[in-house]
């Protein structure tokens, strides 16, 4: 599962174009045997860091279409956006694809 999560981090660059407004997902972290922390930088498709402070961005992680975590953006020391996710899973899901969805709200 950890290898899959690390591989999925490299795909975050493609998510900047997949934004939806005002969506929130539910999840129950107590349902899963193990958790892995994922740190994801928010970049566009050219690898440029995004530091949009006028919107609130969220990143949700899914396995088999089920939300495993939803994280709100954080900012590093120079104002770039990143996300810290604690993605839950079970031993039977090792090797499963993790899908990330980025969306923004106008809060």
PDB file of N, CA and C in Angstrom:
ATOM      1  N   UNK A   1       0.825  -1.191   0.000  1.00  0.00           N
ATOM      2  CA  UNK A   1       0.000   0.000   0.000  1.00  0.00           C
ATOM      3  C   UNK A   1       0.867   1.252   0.000  1.00  0.00           C
ATOM      4  N   UNK A   2       1.969   1.220   0.740  1.00  0.00           N
ATOM      5  CA  UNK A   2       2.842   2.399   0.797  1.00  0.00           C
ATOM      6  C   UNK A   2       3.435   2.723  -0.567  1.00  0.00           C
ATOM      7  N   UNK A   3       3.840   1.692  -1.314  1.00  0.00           N
ATOM      8  CA  UNK A   3       4.412   1.928  -2.631  1.00  0.00           C
ATOM      9  C   UNK A   3       3.378   2.559  -3.558  1.00  0.00           C
ATOM     10  N   UNK A   4       2.146   2.080  -3.473  1.00  0.00           N
ATOM     11  CA  UNK A   4       1.071   2.636  -4.287  1.00  0.00           C
ATOM     12  C   UNK A   4       0.833   4.095  -3.936  1.00  0.00           C
ATOM     13  N   UNK A   5       0.855   4.409  -2.645  1.00  0.00           N
ATOM     14  CA  UNK A   5       0.648   5.795  -2.223  1.00  0.00           C
ATOM     15  C   UNK A   5       1.757   6.702  -2.731  1.00  0.00           C
ATOM     16  N   UNK A   6       2.993   6.253  -2.645  1.00  0.00           N
ATOM     17  CA  UNK A   6       4.100   7.082  -3.116  1.00  0.00           C
ATOM     18  C   UNK A   6       4.031   7.295  -4.622  1.00  0.00           C
ATOM     19  N   UNK A   7       3.644   6.279  -5.347  1.00  0.00           N
ATOM     20  CA  UNK A   7       3.484   6.414  -6.787  1.00  0.00           C
ATOM     21  C   UNK A   7       2.372   7.403  -7.105  1.00  0.00           C
ATOM     22  N   UNK A   8       1.315   7.352  -6.333  1.00  0.00           N
ATOM     23  CA  UNK A   8       0.186   8.245  -6.580  1.00  0.00           C
ATOM     24  C   UNK A   8       0.548   9.704  -6.351  1.00  0.00           C
ATOM     25  N   UNK A   9       1.489   9.970  -5.452  1.00  0.00           N
ATOM     26  CA  UNK A   9       1.892  11.350  -5.197  1.00  0.00           C
ATOM     27  C   UNK A   9       2.424  11.995  -6.466  1.00  0.00           C
ATOM     28  N   UNK A  10       3.137  11.233  -7.265  1.00  0.00           N
ATOM     29  CA  UNK A  10       3.710  11.796  -8.482  1.00  0.00           C
ATOM     30  C   UNK A  10       2.639  12.211  -9.489  1.00  0.00           C
ATOM     31  N   UNK A  11       1.417  11.761  -9.307  1.00  0.00           N
ATOM     32  CA  UNK A  11       0.340  12.102 -10.231  1.00  0.00           C
ATOM     33  C   UNK A  11      -0.404  13.373  -9.842  1.00  0.00           C
ATOM     34  N   UNK A  12      -0.061  13.975  -8.717  1.00  0.00           N
ATOM     35  CA  UNK A  12      -0.775  15.155  -8.244  1.00  0.00           C
ATOM     36  C   UNK A  12      -0.695  16.297  -9.251  1.00  0.00           C
ATOM     37  N   UNK A  13       0.343  16.332 -10.054  1.00  0.00           N
ATOM     38  CA  UNK A  13       0.488  17.407 -11.038  1.00  0.00           C
ATOM     39  C   UNK A  13      -0.678  17.454 -12.017  1.00  0.00           C
ATOM     40  N   UNK A  14      -1.322  16.345 -12.223  1.00  0.00           N
ATOM     41  CA  UNK A  14      -2.412  16.304 -13.189  1.00  0.00           C
ATOM     42  C   UNK A  14      -3.754  16.735 -12.610  1.00  0.00           C
ATOM     43  N   UNK A  15      -3.809  16.953 -11.322  1.00  0.00           N
ATOM     44  CA  UNK A  15      -5.085  17.178 -10.671  1.00  0.00           C
ATOM     45  C   UNK A  15      -5.523  18.628 -10.675  1.00  0.00           C
ATOM     46  N   UNK A  16      -4.644  19.547 -10.996  1.00  0.00           N
ATOM     47  CA  UNK A  16      -5.003  20.964 -10.950  1.00  0.00           C
ATOM     48  C   UNK A  16      -6.120  21.303 -11.922  1.00  0.00           C
ATOM     49  N   UNK A  17      -6.277  20.502 -12.965  1.00  0.00           N
ATOM     50  CA  UNK A  17      -7.331  20.772 -13.944  1.00  0.00           C
ATOM     51  C   UNK A  17      -8.641  20.061 -13.623  1.00  0.00           C
ATOM     52  N   UNK A  18      -8.668  19.267 -12.552  1.00  0.00           N
ATOM     53  CA  UNK A  18      -9.858  18.481 -12.216  1.00  0.00           C
ATOM     54  C   UNK A  18     -10.583  19.071 -11.008  1.00  0.00           C
ATOM     55  N   UNK A  19     -10.823  20.360 -11.032  1.00  0.00           N
ATOM     56  CA  UNK A  19     -11.426  21.021  -9.884  1.00  0.00           C
ATOM     57  C   UNK A  19     -12.944  21.045  -9.984  1.00  0.00           C
ATOM     58  N   UNK A  20     -13.601  20.847  -8.855  1.00  0.00           N
ATOM     59  CA  UNK A  20     -15.050  20.976  -8.758  1.00  0.00           C
ATOM     60  C   UNK A  20     -15.350  21.871  -7.573  1.00  0.00           C
ATOM     61  N   UNK A  21     -16.405  22.617  -7.614  1.00  0.00           N
ATOM     62  CA  UNK A  21     -16.717  23.574  -6.562  1.00  0.00           C
ATOM     63  C   UNK A  21     -17.631  22.983  -5.502  1.00  0.00           C
ATOM     64  N   UNK A  22     -17.293  23.246  -4.231  1.00  0.00           N
ATOM     65  CA  UNK A  22     -18.182  22.994  -3.122  1.00  0.00           C
ATOM     66  C   UNK A  22     -18.503  21.557  -2.783  1.00  0.00           C
ATOM     67  N   UNK A  23     -17.686  20.591  -3.152  1.00  0.00           N
ATOM     68  CA  UNK A  23     -17.950  19.187  -2.881  1.00  0.00           C
ATOM     69  C   UNK A  23     -17.191  18.779  -1.621  1.00  0.00           C
ATOM     70  N   UNK A  24     -17.841  18.015  -0.742  1.00  0.00           N
ATOM     71  CA  UNK A  24     -17.153  17.427   0.402  1.00  0.00           C
ATOM     72  C   UNK A  24     -17.509  15.949   0.452  1.00  0.00           C
ATOM     73  N   UNK A  25     -16.542  15.133   0.862  1.00  0.00           N
ATOM     74  CA  UNK A  25     -16.726  13.696   0.913  1.00  0.00           C
ATOM     75  C   UNK A  25     -16.696  13.231   2.361  1.00  0.00           C
ATOM     76  N   UNK A  26     -17.397  12.143   2.656  1.00  0.00           N
ATOM     77  CA  UNK A  26     -17.388  11.599   4.005  1.00  0.00           C
ATOM     78  C   UNK A  26     -16.506  10.357   4.046  1.00  0.00           C
ATOM     79  N   UNK A  27     -15.936  10.093   5.198  1.00  0.00           N
ATOM     80  CA  UNK A  27     -15.092   8.919   5.371  1.00  0.00           C
ATOM     81  C   UNK A  27     -15.075   8.575   6.861  1.00  0.00           C
ATOM     82  N   UNK A  28     -14.759   7.327   7.172  1.00  0.00           N
ATOM     83  CA  UNK A  28     -14.670   6.872   8.550  1.00  0.00           C
ATOM     84  C   UNK A  28     -13.324   6.182   8.736  1.00  0.00           C
ATOM     85  N   UNK A  29     -12.347   6.894   9.301  1.00  0.00           N
ATOM     86  CA  UNK A  29     -11.008   6.312   9.429  1.00  0.00           C
ATOM     87  C   UNK A  29     -10.951   5.069  10.315  1.00  0.00           C
ATOM     88  N   UNK A  30     -11.936   4.859  11.173  1.00  0.00           N
ATOM     89  CA  UNK A  30     -11.918   3.690  12.061  1.00  0.00           C
ATOM     90  C   UNK A  30     -12.213   2.389  11.320  1.00  0.00           C
ATOM     91  N   UNK A  31     -12.639   2.465  10.070  1.00  0.00           N
ATOM     92  CA  UNK A  31     -12.968   1.265   9.299  1.00  0.00           C
ATOM     93  C   UNK A  31     -11.736   0.542   8.750  1.00  0.00           C
ATOM     94  N   UNK A  32     -10.548   1.124   8.862  1.00  0.00           N
ATOM     95  CA  UNK A  32      -9.384   0.591   8.164  1.00  0.00           C
ATOM     96  C   UNK A  32      -8.303   0.146   9.135  1.00  0.00           C
ATOM     97  N   UNK A  33      -7.625  -0.945   8.762  1.00  0.00           N
ATOM     98  CA  UNK A  33      -6.609  -1.558   9.604  1.00  0.00           C
ATOM     99  C   UNK A  33      -5.347  -0.719   9.718  1.00  0.00           C
ATOM    100  N   UNK A  34      -4.982  -0.041   8.660  1.00  0.00           N
ATOM    101  CA  UNK A  34      -3.728   0.700   8.643  1.00  0.00           C
ATOM    102  C   UNK A  34      -3.903   2.039   7.954  1.00  0.00           C
ATOM    103  N   UNK A  35      -2.993   2.947   8.271  1.00  0.00           N
ATOM    104  CA  UNK A  35      -3.035   4.276   7.677  1.00  0.00           C
ATOM    105  C   UNK A  35      -1.639   4.662   7.218  1.00  0.00           C
ATOM    106  N   UNK A  36      -1.590   5.419   6.146  1.00  0.00           N
ATOM    107  CA  UNK A  36      -0.334   5.919   5.618  1.00  0.00           C
ATOM    108  C   UNK A  36      -0.464   7.414   5.404  1.00  0.00           C
ATOM    109  N   UNK A  37       0.568   8.147   5.789  1.00  0.00           N
ATOM    110  CA  UNK A  37       0.560   9.594   5.595  1.00  0.00           C
ATOM    111  C   UNK A  37       1.084   9.910   4.202  1.00  0.00           C
ATOM    112  N   UNK A  38       0.360  10.778   3.496  1.00  0.00           N
ATOM    113  CA  UNK A  38       0.762  11.218   2.157  1.00  0.00           C
ATOM    114  C   UNK A  38       0.921  12.736   2.187  1.00  0.00           C
ATOM    115  N   UNK A  39       2.074  13.213   1.769  1.00  0.00           N
ATOM    116  CA  UNK A  39       2.305  14.653   1.617  1.00  0.00           C
ATOM    117  C   UNK A  39       2.272  14.952   0.131  1.00  0.00           C
ATOM    118  N   UNK A  40       1.414  15.860  -0.271  1.00  0.00           N
ATOM    119  CA  UNK A  40       1.242  16.141  -1.692  1.00  0.00           C
ATOM    120  C   UNK A  40       1.394  17.634  -1.949  1.00  0.00           C
ATOM    121  N   UNK A  41       2.297  17.987  -2.843  1.00  0.00           N
ATOM    122  CA  UNK A  41       2.432  19.380  -3.276  1.00  0.00           C
ATOM    123  C   UNK A  41       1.353  19.657  -4.304  1.00  0.00           C
ATOM    124  N   UNK A  42       0.909  20.886  -4.362  1.00  0.00           N
ATOM    125  CA  UNK A  42      -0.136  21.289  -5.310  1.00  0.00           C
ATOM    126  C   UNK A  42       0.550  22.031  -6.448  1.00  0.00           C
ATOM    127  N   UNK A  43       0.579  21.401  -7.620  1.00  0.00           N
ATOM    128  CA  UNK A  43       1.266  21.969  -8.783  1.00  0.00           C
ATOM    129  C   UNK A  43       0.370  21.869 -10.003  1.00  0.00           C
ATOM    130  N   UNK A  44       0.645  22.703 -11.003  1.00  0.00           N
ATOM    131  CA  UNK A  44      -0.115  22.599 -12.248  1.00  0.00           C
ATOM    132  C   UNK A  44       0.530  21.568 -13.152  1.00  0.00           C
ATOM    133  N   UNK A  45      -0.003  21.407 -14.363  1.00  0.00           N
ATOM    134  CA  UNK A  45       0.493  20.363 -15.260  1.00  0.00           C
ATOM    135  C   UNK A  45       1.901  20.630 -15.784  1.00  0.00           C
ATOM    136  N   UNK A  46       2.467  21.812 -15.518  1.00  0.00           N
ATOM    137  CA  UNK A  46       3.850  22.116 -15.896  1.00  0.00           C
ATOM    138  C   UNK A  46       4.797  21.980 -14.706  1.00  0.00           C
ATOM    139  N   UNK A  47       4.272  21.593 -13.556  1.00  0.00           N
ATOM    140  CA  UNK A  47       5.101  21.436 -12.371  1.00  0.00           C
ATOM    141  C   UNK A  47       5.300  22.710 -11.570  1.00  0.00           C
ATOM    142  N   UNK A  48       4.560  23.760 -11.890  1.00  0.00           N
ATOM    143  CA  UNK A  48       4.673  25.026 -11.175  1.00  0.00           C
ATOM    144  C   UNK A  48       3.838  24.964  -9.908  1.00  0.00           C
ATOM    145  N   UNK A  49       4.438  25.322  -8.779  1.00  0.00           N
ATOM    146  CA  UNK A  49       3.717  25.301  -7.504  1.00  0.00           C
ATOM    147  C   UNK A  49       2.573  26.309  -7.529  1.00  0.00           C
ATOM    148  N   UNK A  50       1.447  25.941  -6.957  1.00  0.00           N
ATOM    149  CA  UNK A  50       0.266  26.795  -6.908  1.00  0.00           C
ATOM    150  C   UNK A  50       0.168  27.409  -5.517  1.00  0.00           C
ATOM    151  N   UNK A  51      -0.061  28.708  -5.468  1.00  0.00           N
ATOM    152  CA  UNK A  51      -0.202  29.394  -4.189  1.00  0.00           C
ATOM    153  C   UNK A  51      -1.409  30.331  -4.231  1.00  0.00           C
ATOM    154  N   UNK A  52      -2.544  29.790  -4.590  1.00  0.00           N
ATOM    155  CA  UNK A  52      -3.793  30.538  -4.691  1.00  0.00           C
ATOM    156  C   UNK A  52      -4.414  30.677  -3.301  1.00  0.00           C
ATOM    157  N   UNK A  53      -4.362  31.875  -2.742  1.00  0.00           N
ATOM    158  CA  UNK A  53      -4.919  32.098  -1.408  1.00  0.00           C
ATOM    159  C   UNK A  53      -6.342  32.645  -1.453  1.00  0.00           C
ATOM    160  N   UNK A  54      -6.880  32.879  -2.637  1.00  0.00           N
ATOM    161  CA  UNK A  54      -8.236  33.425  -2.736  1.00  0.00           C
ATOM    162  C   UNK A  54      -9.316  32.344  -2.687  1.00  0.00           C
ATOM    163  N   UNK A  55      -8.941  31.091  -2.833  1.00  0.00           N
ATOM    164  CA  UNK A  55      -9.877  29.966  -2.756  1.00  0.00           C
ATOM    165  C   UNK A  55      -9.381  28.972  -1.710  1.00  0.00           C
ATOM    166  N   UNK A  56     -10.266  28.124  -1.242  1.00  0.00           N
ATOM    167  CA  UNK A  56      -9.887  27.044  -0.339  1.00  0.00           C
ATOM    168  C   UNK A  56      -9.926  25.749  -1.128  1.00  0.00           C
ATOM    169  N   UNK A  57      -8.819  25.021  -1.150  1.00  0.00           N
ATOM    170  CA  UNK A  57      -8.720  23.773  -1.895  1.00  0.00           C
ATOM    171  C   UNK A  57      -8.725  22.585  -0.940  1.00  0.00           C
ATOM    172  N   UNK A  58      -9.295  21.493  -1.416  1.00  0.00           N
ATOM    173  CA  UNK A  58      -9.330  20.228  -0.682  1.00  0.00           C
ATOM    174  C   UNK A  58      -8.796  19.133  -1.595  1.00  0.00           C
ATOM    175  N   UNK A  59      -8.214  18.109  -0.990  1.00  0.00           N
ATOM    176  CA  UNK A  59      -7.739  16.938  -1.721  1.00  0.00           C
ATOM    177  C   UNK A  59      -8.321  15.714  -1.027  1.00  0.00           C
ATOM    178  N   UNK A  60      -9.025  14.887  -1.793  1.00  0.00           N
ATOM    179  CA  UNK A  60      -9.622  13.664  -1.253  1.00  0.00           C
ATOM    180  C   UNK A  60      -8.969  12.454  -1.910  1.00  0.00           C
ATOM    181  N   UNK A  61      -8.748  11.406  -1.121  1.00  0.00           N
ATOM    182  CA  UNK A  61      -8.153  10.162  -1.611  1.00  0.00           C
ATOM    183  C   UNK A  61      -9.228   9.078  -1.623  1.00  0.00           C
ATOM    184  N   UNK A  62      -9.277   8.312  -2.710  1.00  0.00           N
ATOM    185  CA  UNK A  62     -10.276   7.255  -2.880  1.00  0.00           C
ATOM    186  C   UNK A  62      -9.599   5.943  -3.237  1.00  0.00           C
ATOM    187  N   UNK A  63     -10.111   4.848  -2.695  1.00  0.00           N
ATOM    188  CA  UNK A  63      -9.744   3.498  -3.114  1.00  0.00           C
ATOM    189  C   UNK A  63     -11.053   2.789  -3.435  1.00  0.00           C
ATOM    190  N   UNK A  64     -11.152   2.235  -4.631  1.00  0.00           N
ATOM    191  CA  UNK A  64     -12.380   1.573  -5.090  1.00  0.00           C
ATOM    192  C   UNK A  64     -13.600   2.487  -4.979  1.00  0.00           C
ATOM    193  N   UNK A  65     -13.412   3.773  -5.230  1.00  0.00           N
ATOM    194  CA  UNK A  65     -14.512   4.720  -5.212  1.00  0.00           C
ATOM    195  C   UNK A  65     -14.985   5.143  -3.838  1.00  0.00           C
ATOM    196  N   UNK A  66     -14.292   4.674  -2.786  1.00  0.00           N
ATOM    197  CA  UNK A  66     -14.666   5.019  -1.413  1.00  0.00           C
ATOM    198  C   UNK A  66     -13.666   6.035  -0.877  1.00  0.00           C
ATOM    199  N   UNK A  67     -14.163   7.155  -0.350  1.00  0.00           N
ATOM    200  CA  UNK A  67     -13.285   8.193   0.187  1.00  0.00           C
ATOM    201  C   UNK A  67     -12.560   7.665   1.414  1.00  0.00           C
ATOM    202  N   UNK A  68     -11.229   7.811   1.423  1.00  0.00           N
ATOM    203  CA  UNK A  68     -10.411   7.352   2.540  1.00  0.00           C
ATOM    204  C   UNK A  68      -9.871   8.500   3.371  1.00  0.00           C
ATOM    205  N   UNK A  69      -9.895   9.719   2.846  1.00  0.00           N
ATOM    206  CA  UNK A  69      -9.475  10.893   3.604  1.00  0.00           C
ATOM    207  C   UNK A  69      -9.726  12.135   2.764  1.00  0.00           C
ATOM    208  N   UNK A  70      -9.971  13.221   3.461  1.00  0.00           N
ATOM    209  CA  UNK A  70     -10.133  14.509   2.796  1.00  0.00           C
ATOM    210  C   UNK A  70      -9.312  15.521   3.587  1.00  0.00           C
ATOM    211  N   UNK A  71      -8.436  16.247   2.909  1.00  0.00           N
ATOM    212  CA  UNK A  71      -7.567  17.209   3.587  1.00  0.00           C
ATOM    213  C   UNK A  71      -7.747  18.604   2.997  1.00  0.00           C
ATOM    214  N   UNK A  72      -7.725  19.593   3.872  1.00  0.00           N
ATOM    215  CA  UNK A  72      -7.767  20.984   3.433  1.00  0.00           C
ATOM    216  C   UNK A  72      -6.346  21.473   3.200  1.00  0.00           C
ATOM    217  N   UNK A  73      -6.191  22.388   2.278  1.00  0.00           N
ATOM    218  CA  UNK A  73      -4.884  22.919   1.945  1.00  0.00           C
ATOM    219  C   UNK A  73      -4.183  23.505   3.163  1.00  0.00           C
ATOM    220  N   UNK A  74      -2.857  23.456   3.116  1.00  0.00           N
ATOM    221  CA  UNK A  74      -1.990  24.120   4.072  1.00  0.00           C
ATOM    222  C   UNK A  74      -1.000  24.938   3.253  1.00  0.00           C
ATOM    223  N   UNK A  75      -0.282  25.831   3.905  1.00  0.00           N
ATOM    224  CA  UNK A  75       0.701  26.657   3.197  1.00  0.00           C
ATOM    225  C   UNK A  75       2.078  26.481   3.819  1.00  0.00           C
ATOM    226  N   UNK A  76       3.095  26.404   2.954  1.00  0.00           N
ATOM    227  CA  UNK A  76       4.452  26.344   3.471  1.00  0.00           C
ATOM    228  C   UNK A  76       4.949  27.768   3.764  1.00  0.00           C
ATOM    229  N   UNK A  77       6.209  27.901   4.127  1.00  0.00           N
ATOM    230  CA  UNK A  77       6.762  29.193   4.556  1.00  0.00           C
ATOM    231  C   UNK A  77       6.716  30.262   3.472  1.00  0.00           C
ATOM    232  N   UNK A  78       6.709  29.861   2.196  1.00  0.00           N
ATOM    233  CA  UNK A  78       6.684  30.849   1.105  1.00  0.00           C
ATOM    234  C   UNK A  78       5.311  30.954   0.452  1.00  0.00           C
ATOM    235  N   UNK A  79       4.292  30.339   1.068  1.00  0.00           N
ATOM    236  CA  UNK A  79       2.923  30.500   0.593  1.00  0.00           C
ATOM    237  C   UNK A  79       2.449  29.493  -0.429  1.00  0.00           C
ATOM    238  N   UNK A  80       3.219  28.447  -0.699  1.00  0.00           N
ATOM    239  CA  UNK A  80       2.774  27.408  -1.630  1.00  0.00           C
ATOM    240  C   UNK A  80       1.813  26.452  -0.932  1.00  0.00           C
ATOM    241  N   UNK A  81       0.842  25.952  -1.691  1.00  0.00           N
ATOM    242  CA  UNK A  81      -0.155  25.043  -1.154  1.00  0.00           C
ATOM    243  C   UNK A  81       0.364  23.609  -1.151  1.00  0.00           C
ATOM    244  N   UNK A  82       0.081  22.900  -0.043  1.00  0.00           N
ATOM    245  CA  UNK A  82       0.339  21.463   0.016  1.00  0.00           C
ATOM    246  C   UNK A  82      -0.750  20.826   0.864  1.00  0.00           C
ATOM    247  N   UNK A  83      -0.807  19.494   0.826  1.00  0.00           N
ATOM    248  CA  UNK A  83      -1.820  18.733   1.554  1.00  0.00           C
ATOM    249  C   UNK A  83      -1.148  17.617   2.339  1.00  0.00           C
ATOM    250  N   UNK A  84      -1.660  17.338   3.519  1.00  0.00           N
ATOM    251  CA  UNK A  84      -1.237  16.197   4.317  1.00  0.00           C
ATOM    252  C   UNK A  84      -2.455  15.294   4.479  1.00  0.00           C
ATOM    253  N   UNK A  85      -2.367  14.085   3.933  1.00  0.00           N
ATOM    254  CA  UNK A  85      -3.476  13.134   4.014  1.00  0.00           C
ATOM    255  C   UNK A  85      -3.059  11.921   4.828  1.00  0.00           C
ATOM    256  N   UNK A  86      -3.985  11.379   5.597  1.00  0.00           N
ATOM    257  CA  UNK A  86      -3.773  10.127   6.319  1.00  0.00           C
ATOM    258  C   UNK A  86      -4.744   9.128   5.700  1.00  0.00           C
ATOM    259  N   UNK A  87      -4.264   8.354   4.745  1.00  0.00           N
ATOM    260  CA  UNK A  87      -5.114   7.483   3.941  1.00  0.00           C
ATOM    261  C   UNK A  87      -5.207   6.111   4.593  1.00  0.00           C
ATOM    262  N   UNK A  88      -6.450   5.664   4.839  1.00  0.00           N
ATOM    263  CA  UNK A  88      -6.677   4.373   5.469  1.00  0.00           C
ATOM    264  C   UNK A  88      -6.887   3.274   4.451  1.00  0.00           C
ATOM    265  N   UNK A  89      -6.483   2.066   4.835  1.00  0.00           N
ATOM    266  CA  UNK A  89      -6.673   0.917   3.964  1.00  0.00           C
ATOM    267  C   UNK A  89      -6.614  -0.380   4.743  1.00  0.00           C
ATOM    268  N   UNK A  90      -6.924  -1.463   4.070  1.00  0.00           N
ATOM    269  CA  UNK A  90      -6.886  -2.799   4.657  1.00  0.00           C
ATOM    270  C   UNK A  90      -5.859  -3.646   3.923  1.00  0.00           C
ATOM    271  N   UNK A  91      -5.401  -4.706   4.561  1.00  0.00           N
ATOM    272  CA  UNK A  91      -4.385  -5.571   3.957  1.00  0.00           C
ATOM    273  C   UNK A  91      -4.847  -6.125   2.615  1.00  0.00           C
ATOM    274  N   UNK A  92      -6.137  -6.362   2.465  1.00  0.00           N
ATOM    275  CA  UNK A  92      -6.659  -6.913   1.211  1.00  0.00           C
ATOM    276  C   UNK A  92      -6.582  -5.919   0.055  1.00  0.00           C
ATOM    277  N   UNK A  93      -6.290  -4.669   0.344  1.00  0.00           N
ATOM    278  CA  UNK A  93      -6.253  -3.631  -0.699  1.00  0.00           C
ATOM    279  C   UNK A  93      -4.848  -3.284  -1.168  1.00  0.00           C
ATOM    280  N   UNK A  94      -3.868  -4.027  -0.729  1.00  0.00           N
ATOM    281  CA  UNK A  94      -2.499  -3.762  -1.170  1.00  0.00           C
ATOM    282  C   UNK A  94      -2.441  -3.872  -2.687  1.00  0.00           C
ATOM    283  N   UNK A  95      -1.852  -2.877  -3.313  1.00  0.00           N
ATOM    284  CA  UNK A  95      -1.750  -2.846  -4.770  1.00  0.00           C
ATOM    285  C   UNK A  95      -2.912  -2.171  -5.468  1.00  0.00           C
ATOM    286  N   UNK A  96      -3.938  -1.792  -4.740  1.00  0.00           N
ATOM    287  CA  UNK A  96      -5.084  -1.097  -5.344  1.00  0.00           C
ATOM    288  C   UNK A  96      -4.701   0.328  -5.705  1.00  0.00           C
ATOM    289  N   UNK A  97      -5.309   0.834  -6.740  1.00  0.00           N
ATOM    290  CA  UNK A  97      -5.052   2.197  -7.205  1.00  0.00           C
ATOM    291  C   UNK A  97      -5.729   3.198  -6.273  1.00  0.00           C
ATOM    292  N   UNK A  98      -5.006   4.256  -5.955  1.00  0.00           N
ATOM    293  CA  UNK A  98      -5.559   5.357  -5.178  1.00  0.00           C
ATOM    294  C   UNK A  98      -5.827   6.509  -6.139  1.00  0.00           C
ATOM    295  N   UNK A  99      -7.025   7.042  -6.089  1.00  0.00           N
ATOM    296  CA  UNK A  99      -7.412   8.166  -6.944  1.00  0.00           C
ATOM    297  C   UNK A  99      -7.546   9.400  -6.064  1.00  0.00           C
ATOM    298  N   UNK A 100      -7.008  10.515  -6.534  1.00  0.00           N
ATOM    299  CA  UNK A 100      -7.110  11.772  -5.811  1.00  0.00           C
ATOM    300  C   UNK A 100      -8.015  12.722  -6.575  1.00  0.00           C
ATOM    301  N   UNK A 101      -8.813  13.474  -5.845  1.00  0.00           N
ATOM    302  CA  UNK A 101      -9.665  14.496  -6.448  1.00  0.00           C
ATOM    303  C   UNK A 101      -9.396  15.814  -5.735  1.00  0.00           C
ATOM    304  N   UNK A 102      -9.088  16.836  -6.519  1.00  0.00           N
ATOM    305  CA  UNK A 102      -8.864  18.179  -5.989  1.00  0.00           C
ATOM    306  C   UNK A 102     -10.099  19.003  -6.294  1.00  0.00           C
ATOM    307  N   UNK A 103     -10.548  19.766  -5.334  1.00  0.00           N
ATOM    308  CA  UNK A 103     -11.678  20.644  -5.563  1.00  0.00           C
ATOM    309  C   UNK A 103     -11.511  21.905  -4.729  1.00  0.00           C
ATOM    310  N   UNK A 104     -12.223  22.932  -5.087  1.00  0.00           N
ATOM    311  CA  UNK A 104     -12.114  24.192  -4.364  1.00  0.00           C
ATOM    312  C   UNK A 104     -13.485  24.642  -3.890  1.00  0.00           C
ATOM    313  N   UNK A 105     -13.468  25.451  -2.836  1.00  0.00           N
ATOM    314  CA  UNK A 105     -14.691  26.054  -2.342  1.00  0.00           C
ATOM    315  C   UNK A 105     -14.473  27.560  -2.264  1.00  0.00           C
ATOM    316  N   UNK A 106     -15.536  28.287  -2.199  1.00  0.00           N
ATOM    317  CA  UNK A 106     -15.443  29.743  -2.137  1.00  0.00           C
ATOM    318  C   UNK A 106     -15.910  30.211  -0.760  1.00  0.00           C
ATOM    319  N   UNK A 107     -15.252  29.703   0.283  1.00  0.00           N
ATOM    320  CA  UNK A 107     -15.640  30.007   1.660  1.00  0.00           C
ATOM    321  C   UNK A 107     -15.088  31.340   2.105  1.00  0.00           C
TER     322      UNK A 107
END
